[in-house]
Amino acid sequence: MGKRVLCFGELLLRLGAPGREVLLQSRHLDVHVGGAEANVAVSLAHFGHETAVAGTVAANALGDGALGELRRHGVDVSRVARAAGRMGLYFFAAGAGLRPSDVVYDRADSAFARAAPDSYDWQSLLAGIDCLHVSGVTPAVGPNAADAALAAVRAARATGSTVSFDGNFRPKLWATWNDAPAPLLRDLLAEADIAFIDHRDIDLVLGTDASETAGHGSAERTLQAAARAFAAFPHLQRIACTQRTVHSVDRHALGALLVRRDGSAQRIDALPVDGIVDRIGGGDAFAAGVLHGVLSGLDDARALAFGLAAARLKHSVPGDFNLVGAADVDALIDSGRLDVRR
C-alpha cells in the first residue's frame, strides 16, 4: 500500500526552445509544468503513493493550468495556496553536439517567493502525512521560502514524519540573494532522515576535508564524506546519490550509491543512458525512485536499483515529469528488455 507524501516547493512553468534550437532562435516555446518537488510528487503518484504538494501559486490562468496538470497525474493540490503575483518561470534550451544545455531563471518576486513563512499552517498541512520531501532549490528562491522550508522540516520532525531532503544546489538562484547558503542548508539537513547529496553537497555544508580530495573518485569521496555528514546530523539515516559521466549531450552513463549510518553501502556501477531525450528531472526521478523503495519496505539494494532505473528511464521522457510506472521500472531492472511490448 502506498504512503502519503507531501512535497513542498515552487511549482514552475518551463518554457523551452523547440527541438535543439537556442532560446528565441524561432518565435516558439514549448511549455511544461515542473519544479523539483512537483517532479517527485508526480513520480511517486505514478508509483502508487498518495502524493500532495504544498506551496503558493499565482491566482491566475497560469496557476490554474499548472495545478490542473498536477491533478491530471493524480497529485493532490488542495494544500496549495493561491495569491496575487506571478508564476515562477524558467527557460530551457536543450544542448546539441558540443553545446551544453542552458537554463535561464525568471523566478524573482513570484507568488511563491513572496509568500510569508507564517502563511503555511504546518500542523494542518502535515496531518496524516508519512513523509515530507523538500529540496535545496526552495531556500535558494529567497528568504521567505528559506524560512518556510525550515519551518516545514522542523514541523515534520516534530510530528514523526520521515523527512527527505534533496541538496539540489542552484548557484544561479543563491547568487541573487545569499552568497553564503551553508548555514541554511545545514539547518535543513539537520532534520533529514534521508538525503540525496554527494560529496560536493557535504563539502558545501560542512567544509572540505583535504584527506578526501586527493586520489579518489566521486563514489569513494562520497563514502568518506558521508561519515562526516552522519556525525554532524544525528537524524540522518541514509545518503543516496547518482554518479554521472557525460560522454556527449546525447550519451551519458549513470551509476548510483546509497550509504547507511552504520557504514554499509550499496553501489551500482555506471550504466549507459543513450539517445537522451530530456535530462531535466532525472535527479528528481532518482530521488522518487529511492523514496519509493524505502517507503515500500524494499531492501537498500533494490531501492537503489529502482531509483537508478527510474532516473535512466526519465531521460527518455520529454518535460520535467517522469511518467513511467513502477512496472516499467521493475521491468528495466529485471530484464532490461527494450523491444516493443505487444
Protein backbone atom coordinates (compact mmCIF):
# COMPACT_ATOMS: atom_id res chain seq x y z
CA MET A 1 0.00 0.00 0.00
CA GLY A 2 1.32 3.42 -0.94
CA LYS A 3 2.45 6.01 1.60
CA ARG A 4 1.20 9.57 1.96
CA VAL A 5 3.89 12.01 0.81
CA LEU A 6 3.84 15.82 0.88
CA CYS A 7 6.25 17.77 -1.33
CA PHE A 8 6.86 21.45 -0.54
CA GLY A 9 8.30 23.78 -3.15
CA GLU A 10 7.61 26.10 -6.04
CA LEU A 11 5.51 24.94 -8.96
CA LEU A 12 7.08 26.28 -12.15
CA LEU A 13 6.42 26.73 -15.82
CA ARG A 14 9.22 25.66 -18.14
CA LEU A 15 9.45 27.48 -21.47
CA GLY A 16 11.72 25.54 -23.78
CA ALA A 17 13.22 26.22 -27.16
CA PRO A 18 11.75 23.66 -29.59
CA GLY A 19 13.94 20.76 -30.63
CA ARG A 20 17.61 21.65 -30.31
CA GLU A 21 17.22 25.37 -31.00
CA VAL A 22 18.84 28.03 -28.85
CA LEU A 23 16.46 30.28 -26.95
CA LEU A 24 14.45 32.60 -29.19
CA GLN A 25 16.04 31.23 -32.34
CA SER A 26 12.44 30.99 -33.53
CA ARG A 27 9.27 32.53 -32.16
CA HIS A 28 8.09 29.40 -30.39
CA LEU A 29 8.49 27.97 -26.91
CA ASP A 30 7.27 24.61 -25.64
CA VAL A 31 5.57 24.74 -22.24
CA HIS A 32 5.90 22.15 -19.48
CA VAL A 33 4.95 22.24 -15.81
CA GLY A 34 7.71 21.36 -13.38
CA GLY A 35 9.66 22.14 -10.26
CA ALA A 36 11.89 19.80 -8.27
CA GLU A 37 9.35 18.89 -5.61
CA ALA A 38 6.44 18.62 -8.04
CA ASN A 39 8.54 16.25 -10.14
CA VAL A 40 8.97 13.96 -7.14
CA ALA A 41 5.25 14.13 -6.32
CA VAL A 42 4.27 13.13 -9.87
CA SER A 43 6.75 10.24 -9.95
CA LEU A 44 5.58 8.90 -6.60
CA ALA A 45 1.96 9.17 -7.73
CA HIS A 46 2.79 7.02 -10.75
CA PHE A 47 4.47 4.54 -8.38
CA GLY A 48 1.23 4.17 -6.42
CA HIS A 49 1.66 6.56 -3.49
CA GLU A 50 -0.80 9.20 -2.26
CA THR A 51 1.06 12.40 -3.03
CA ALA A 52 0.28 16.04 -2.39
CA VAL A 53 2.07 19.32 -2.95
CA ALA A 54 2.15 22.40 -0.73
CA GLY A 55 3.17 25.90 -1.75
CA THR A 56 1.78 29.03 -3.31
CA VAL A 57 0.95 29.71 -6.96
CA ALA A 58 -0.30 32.73 -8.84
CA ALA A 59 -4.07 33.23 -8.72
CA ASN A 60 -4.42 33.43 -12.48
CA ALA A 61 -4.76 31.25 -15.55
CA LEU A 62 -1.12 30.14 -15.35
CA GLY A 63 -1.56 28.91 -11.81
CA ASP A 64 -4.80 27.19 -12.79
CA GLY A 65 -3.08 25.39 -15.63
CA ALA A 66 -0.15 24.26 -13.50
CA LEU A 67 -2.43 22.87 -10.80
CA GLY A 68 -4.59 21.17 -13.40
CA GLU A 69 -1.55 19.39 -14.81
CA LEU A 70 -0.67 18.01 -11.38
CA ARG A 71 -4.24 16.85 -10.83
CA ARG A 72 -4.07 15.02 -14.16
CA HIS A 73 -1.24 12.92 -12.76
CA GLY A 74 -3.06 12.10 -9.54
CA VAL A 75 -1.38 14.64 -7.25
CA ASP A 76 -3.48 16.33 -4.55
CA VAL A 77 -3.19 20.12 -4.87
CA SER A 78 -5.66 21.07 -2.12
CA ARG A 79 -2.77 22.24 0.08
CA VAL A 80 -1.54 24.81 -2.46
CA ALA A 81 -2.41 28.43 -1.67
CA ARG A 82 -3.39 30.95 -4.34
CA ALA A 83 -2.08 34.52 -4.18
CA ALA A 84 -1.74 37.62 -6.30
CA GLY A 85 1.52 37.74 -8.19
CA ARG A 86 3.32 35.88 -10.90
CA MET A 87 4.29 32.31 -11.64
CA GLY A 88 7.91 31.34 -11.39
CA LEU A 89 9.36 30.58 -14.82
CA TYR A 90 12.47 29.10 -16.26
CA PHE A 91 13.65 28.98 -19.83
CA PHE A 92 15.44 25.95 -21.21
CA ALA A 93 17.48 25.24 -24.32
CA ALA A 94 18.49 21.62 -24.87
CA GLY A 95 22.12 21.15 -25.81
CA ALA A 96 23.39 19.56 -29.00
CA GLY A 97 26.79 18.35 -30.08
CA LEU A 98 29.38 20.38 -28.19
CA ARG A 99 26.81 22.93 -26.93
CA PRO A 100 25.58 22.17 -23.40
CA SER A 101 22.00 22.68 -22.26
CA ASP A 102 21.23 26.03 -20.66
CA VAL A 103 18.74 27.26 -18.05
CA VAL A 104 17.65 30.87 -17.51
CA TYR A 105 15.62 31.52 -14.35
CA ASP A 106 12.82 34.07 -14.09
CA ARG A 107 11.56 33.45 -10.55
CA ALA A 108 12.19 36.70 -8.70
CA ASP A 109 9.16 38.13 -6.88
CA SER A 110 6.93 35.17 -7.77
CA ALA A 111 3.85 34.45 -5.67
CA PHE A 112 5.79 31.61 -4.04
CA ALA A 113 8.84 33.76 -3.29
CA ARG A 114 6.64 36.48 -1.77
CA ALA A 115 4.52 34.16 0.41
CA ALA A 116 5.05 34.86 4.11
CA PRO A 117 6.53 31.91 6.00
CA ASP A 118 3.75 32.07 8.60
CA SER A 119 1.11 31.71 5.88
CA TYR A 120 1.68 27.93 5.99
CA ASP A 121 -0.08 26.07 8.81
CA TRP A 122 2.22 23.08 9.01
CA GLN A 123 0.22 21.29 11.67
CA SER A 124 -2.70 21.17 9.25
CA LEU A 125 -0.65 20.64 6.09
CA LEU A 126 1.21 17.67 7.57
CA ALA A 127 -1.85 15.96 9.05
CA GLY A 128 -1.85 12.29 8.01
CA ILE A 129 1.43 12.61 6.08
CA ASP A 130 4.03 9.83 6.28
CA CYS A 131 6.88 11.68 4.53
CA LEU A 132 7.78 15.29 3.73
CA HIS A 133 10.08 15.98 0.78
CA VAL A 134 11.86 19.30 0.26
CA SER A 135 14.91 20.33 -1.71
CA GLY A 136 17.70 22.89 -1.69
CA VAL A 137 16.00 24.69 -4.55
CA THR A 138 13.34 26.08 -2.22
CA PRO A 139 15.59 28.04 0.17
CA ALA A 140 17.55 29.31 -2.84
CA VAL A 141 14.41 31.13 -4.07
CA GLY A 142 14.61 33.74 -1.31
CA PRO A 143 14.41 34.42 2.43
CA ASN A 144 10.67 33.79 2.76
CA ALA A 145 10.92 30.42 1.05
CA ALA A 146 14.00 29.53 3.10
CA ASP A 147 12.21 30.25 6.38
CA ALA A 148 9.14 28.32 5.22
CA ALA A 149 11.22 25.28 4.24
CA LEU A 150 12.94 25.25 7.62
CA ALA A 151 9.61 25.53 9.44
CA ALA A 152 8.28 22.66 7.32
CA VAL A 153 11.08 20.20 8.09
CA ARG A 154 11.05 21.07 11.79
CA ALA A 155 7.30 20.57 11.96
CA ALA A 156 7.60 17.24 10.12
CA ARG A 157 10.31 16.14 12.55
CA ALA A 158 8.03 17.05 15.46
CA THR A 159 5.12 15.03 14.03
CA GLY A 160 7.25 11.95 13.40
CA SER A 161 7.04 12.11 9.60
CA THR A 162 10.03 10.92 7.59
CA VAL A 163 11.95 13.93 6.25
CA SER A 164 13.51 13.67 2.79
CA PHE A 165 15.92 16.36 1.56
CA ASP A 166 17.48 16.69 -1.90
CA GLY A 167 20.51 19.00 -1.99
CA ASN A 168 19.77 20.33 -5.50
CA PHE A 169 22.28 23.18 -5.20
CA ARG A 170 21.39 26.01 -7.61
CA PRO A 171 24.17 28.65 -7.60
CA LYS A 172 22.32 30.91 -10.05
CA LEU A 173 19.43 31.25 -7.61
CA TRP A 174 21.54 31.63 -4.48
CA ALA A 175 23.59 34.37 -6.16
CA THR A 176 20.51 36.60 -6.31
CA TRP A 177 20.21 36.95 -2.54
CA ASN A 178 22.64 34.90 -0.43
CA ASP A 179 26.29 34.20 -1.17
CA ALA A 180 26.72 32.05 1.97
CA PRO A 181 23.99 29.37 1.91
CA ALA A 182 25.80 26.77 4.03
CA PRO A 183 24.15 27.64 7.39
CA LEU A 184 20.65 27.41 5.90
CA LEU A 185 21.38 24.13 4.17
CA ARG A 186 22.93 22.79 7.36
CA ASP A 187 19.74 23.57 9.30
CA LEU A 188 17.65 21.72 6.70
CA LEU A 189 19.94 18.70 6.66
CA ALA A 190 19.82 18.56 10.44
CA GLU A 191 16.17 17.46 10.21
CA ALA A 192 16.53 14.94 7.37
CA ASP A 193 16.18 11.16 7.67
CA ILE A 194 17.25 10.60 4.07
CA ALA A 195 19.32 12.99 1.98
CA PHE A 196 20.05 12.98 -1.72
CA ILE A 197 23.51 14.53 -1.61
CA ASP A 198 27.06 13.72 -2.67
CA HIS A 199 30.49 14.82 -1.51
CA ARG A 200 30.12 18.24 -3.15
CA ASP A 201 26.97 18.99 -1.16
CA ILE A 202 28.61 17.77 2.04
CA ASP A 203 31.70 19.90 1.40
CA LEU A 204 29.47 22.91 0.77
CA VAL A 205 27.69 22.49 4.11
CA LEU A 206 30.48 21.18 6.34
CA GLY A 207 33.57 22.46 4.57
CA THR A 208 36.13 20.42 2.69
CA ASP A 209 38.40 17.78 4.19
CA ALA A 210 41.79 17.64 2.50
CA SER A 211 42.12 13.91 3.17
CA GLU A 212 39.09 13.27 0.97
CA THR A 213 40.17 15.28 -2.06
CA ALA A 214 43.21 13.51 -3.44
CA GLY A 215 43.26 10.29 -5.44
CA HIS A 216 39.61 9.37 -5.06
CA GLY A 217 36.72 9.10 -7.49
CA SER A 218 33.29 10.56 -6.88
CA ALA A 219 31.87 7.44 -5.20
CA GLU A 220 34.87 6.97 -2.90
CA ARG A 221 34.85 10.65 -1.92
CA THR A 222 31.12 10.48 -1.17
CA LEU A 223 31.64 7.39 1.01
CA GLN A 224 34.26 9.26 3.02
CA ALA A 225 32.26 12.50 3.21
CA ALA A 226 29.16 10.58 4.28
CA ALA A 227 30.85 9.66 7.55
CA ARG A 228 31.23 13.36 8.36
CA ALA A 229 27.60 14.02 7.46
CA PHE A 230 26.32 11.21 9.69
CA ALA A 231 28.45 12.53 12.55
CA ALA A 232 27.12 16.07 12.08
CA PHE A 233 23.44 15.14 11.64
CA PRO A 234 22.16 12.58 14.16
CA HIS A 235 18.75 12.14 12.50
CA LEU A 236 20.26 11.25 9.13
CA GLN A 237 19.93 7.53 8.30
CA ARG A 238 20.60 7.27 4.56
CA ILE A 239 22.51 9.22 1.91
CA ALA A 240 21.93 8.44 -1.76
CA CYS A 241 23.24 9.99 -4.95
CA THR A 242 23.96 9.33 -8.60
CA GLN A 243 27.33 9.48 -10.36
CA ARG A 244 27.04 10.84 -13.86
CA THR A 245 29.60 10.68 -16.65
CA VAL A 246 28.83 12.87 -19.67
CA HIS A 247 30.26 11.48 -22.90
CA SER A 248 28.18 13.82 -25.07
CA VAL A 249 24.89 15.69 -24.82
CA ASP A 250 23.08 12.58 -26.04
CA ARG A 251 25.14 9.91 -24.29
CA HIS A 252 25.72 9.69 -20.56
CA ALA A 253 26.50 6.94 -18.06
CA LEU A 254 24.76 6.84 -14.70
CA GLY A 255 25.71 4.97 -11.55
CA ALA A 256 24.37 5.23 -8.00
CA LEU A 257 25.39 4.95 -4.38
CA LEU A 258 23.44 4.52 -1.12
CA VAL A 259 25.16 4.73 2.27
CA ARG A 260 23.63 3.99 5.68
CA ARG A 261 24.53 5.40 9.07
CA ASP A 262 26.09 2.09 10.09
CA GLY A 263 28.59 2.42 7.24
CA SER A 264 27.04 -0.21 4.99
CA ALA A 265 26.75 0.80 1.36
CA GLN A 266 25.14 -0.26 -1.89
CA ARG A 267 26.72 0.73 -5.17
CA ILE A 268 25.74 0.29 -8.81
CA ASP A 269 28.42 0.89 -11.40
CA ALA A 270 27.65 3.26 -14.24
CA LEU A 271 25.14 2.06 -16.81
CA PRO A 272 24.58 3.62 -20.25
CA VAL A 273 21.97 6.29 -20.89
CA ASP A 274 21.98 6.74 -24.66
CA GLY A 275 19.74 8.68 -27.02
CA ILE A 276 18.78 11.19 -24.34
CA VAL A 277 15.50 12.98 -25.00
CA ASP A 278 15.39 15.19 -21.87
CA ARG A 279 17.63 15.01 -18.81
CA ILE A 280 15.77 17.64 -16.77
CA GLY A 281 14.15 15.97 -13.76
CA GLY A 282 16.50 12.99 -13.81
CA GLY A 283 17.71 13.65 -10.28
CA ASP A 284 14.14 14.06 -9.06
CA ALA A 285 13.23 10.75 -10.70
CA PHE A 286 16.12 9.11 -8.84
CA ALA A 287 15.01 10.62 -5.53
CA ALA A 288 11.43 9.50 -6.11
CA GLY A 289 12.56 6.01 -7.01
CA VAL A 290 14.73 5.57 -3.93
CA LEU A 291 11.98 7.07 -1.74
CA HIS A 292 9.50 4.61 -3.25
CA GLY A 293 11.80 1.77 -2.32
CA VAL A 294 12.41 2.99 1.22
CA LEU A 295 8.75 3.80 1.90
CA SER A 296 7.64 0.47 0.42
CA GLY A 297 9.99 -1.53 2.61
CA LEU A 298 12.33 -2.71 -0.15
CA ASP A 299 15.86 -3.56 0.89
CA ASP A 300 18.51 -0.95 0.17
CA ALA A 301 19.91 -2.77 -2.87
CA ARG A 302 16.50 -2.93 -4.55
CA ALA A 303 15.60 0.64 -3.54
CA LEU A 304 18.82 1.92 -5.12
CA ALA A 305 18.29 -0.16 -8.25
CA PHE A 306 14.75 1.19 -8.51
CA GLY A 307 15.95 4.79 -8.17
CA LEU A 308 18.65 4.39 -10.78
CA ALA A 309 16.36 2.65 -13.25
CA ALA A 310 13.73 5.37 -12.77
CA ALA A 311 16.35 8.04 -13.44
CA ARG A 312 17.57 6.28 -16.57
CA LEU A 313 14.02 5.98 -17.89
CA LYS A 314 13.32 9.68 -17.21
CA HIS A 315 15.93 10.60 -19.83
CA SER A 316 13.54 9.18 -22.43
CA VAL A 317 10.54 11.30 -21.37
CA PRO A 318 10.12 14.91 -22.60
CA GLY A 319 9.34 17.50 -19.94
CA ASP A 320 10.13 17.68 -16.24
CA PHE A 321 7.86 14.85 -15.08
CA ASN A 322 8.81 11.17 -15.13
CA LEU A 323 5.69 9.43 -16.40
CA VAL A 324 6.75 5.79 -16.04
CA GLY A 325 5.09 3.44 -13.57
CA ALA A 326 6.58 1.01 -11.10
CA ALA A 327 6.06 -1.91 -13.51
CA ASP A 328 8.15 -0.10 -16.16
CA VAL A 329 10.97 0.43 -13.68
CA ASP A 330 10.86 -3.14 -12.41
CA ALA A 331 10.94 -4.43 -16.00
CA LEU A 332 14.12 -2.47 -16.74
CA ILE A 333 15.77 -3.75 -13.56
CA ASP A 334 14.79 -7.38 -14.02
CA SER A 335 15.08 -7.89 -17.75
CA GLY A 336 16.46 -4.81 -19.42
CA ARG A 337 14.32 -5.63 -22.42
CA LEU A 338 13.92 -2.73 -24.81
CA ASP A 339 11.87 -4.36 -27.57
CA VAL A 340 8.27 -3.41 -28.34
CA ARG A 341 5.75 -4.73 -25.85
CA ARG A 342 2.81 -6.26 -27.74
